[in-house]
Amino acid sequence: MNGFGGADTAICSNGMTGYLGCVKEVAEGLERREEVGEFNEPGWTELISVQQWAICKRAIDALRAEKVDFLLGGAYGLALYTGRLRDTKDADFFILPEHAPRAAAALARAGFQDYHPKLAYDRRWIYRSTMDDFIVDLIFRMANRRSDIDEVWFQRAHDVSIHGDKLKVIPPEEMLWQKSYVMQRDRCDWPDVINILYVSGHLLDWEHLINRAREDEALIFGLLHVFEWLCPDKARKIPEFVRQRAGLPPALLGMDDEVTRRRAMLLDSRNWFAPMGPASELLHTCTI
C-alpha cells in the first residue's frame, strides 16, 4: 500500500480548511429550515451542466403537468446535506407507488425512453428512463423492498432552489436510512452516508431515524461505529442517547483533522470524502 506523504497531507489540509465554510453554510441552512422554509440557491448548483439540467427540467415539467408529487434525491439531493455535488449520470425522483404508472406515462410523452430494453432492471421498485444518455429514475420503494415511499417522506421534505426552480428534497433521515442498505460488490452508498453524518449528523432527528430502521437499527449503529473511527471529533456531537444505544465508546477529545484525513485515505485515495476537497469540485466515489 502506498504511504500517505507530506504532499498529500498538505493538499488534503487545504481542501479541508476550505470546506469548513461550506459545512457551516449547509448546517446553518438546515437549522434555519423551520424559520424560512427554503434555502437560497447553493453554490454547488453551478456544477450542474446546462445539458443535464435541461433534461431534468423536462422531466420536472412533465411530472408537474401530470400533477405527480415528487421529491428530488440522488446526487442533487445529497449535495443539499453535504455541500458537495457528486459526479452523476442520472437524476432520482421519489414518488408514491400509486403514482408510478402516471409518472412513467408522463415521461414517455415528454420523449423519455424506457431503459429496460437496453439494460434490464427490477421494475418492482423503480422506473428507469433515458434521454441523450442521461438517466431519469422514478423511485417508489427501496431497492430491497424494505419500505415503500410514503407520505412521511413528503411531510418531512426540505427545500432547495436549483437554477431558479424551487424543489423538494427527500429528508436526510430517509436518505440515510435508504442508503445504509446499499453495500454491493459494484456499488456502496456508505461514503454518501458518512458525508451526510459529517455535515448534518448532529442535526438529524435520530428518534425518527431509529424508529424508521426498527429491527435494522443495528445497521445504522454499525455505520456510526465506522463514523466514530473516521471522524471522532464530529462523532462526539451525535446525541448522547444515540451514542449509548449504539454502544459507542466515550467521546474522544482533542482528535485533530489529521487523524480523519489519514483514515479517509486508508479507505479510498479518490476524492470521495467531502471535507478533503473544495466545494467547487465534483466528488468521485464508488457510488454510481
Foldseek 3Di string as FASTA:
>chain_A
DDDCDPVNLVLLVVLLVQCVVLLVQLQVQLVCCVPPVADAAAPLLVVDDPVNVVLVVLLVVLCVVLPFAWAWEDQVLLCSLQVAGADDQETEIEGAPVCVVVSVVSVVVSPWAFCCVVPNDDPPFWTWTDDPSGIYIYGQAAPVRPDGDDCVQVVQWGWHARPNDIGTHGHPLVNLLRQLPDDDPQAHCLLSNLSSLQRCVLPDPVVVSCVVCPVNVLSVLVSLQVSCQQPLPSSQSHDPVSCVVSVHDHRDPDDDCSSNSNVVVVVPVAQRHSSRRHSNDHRYDSHD
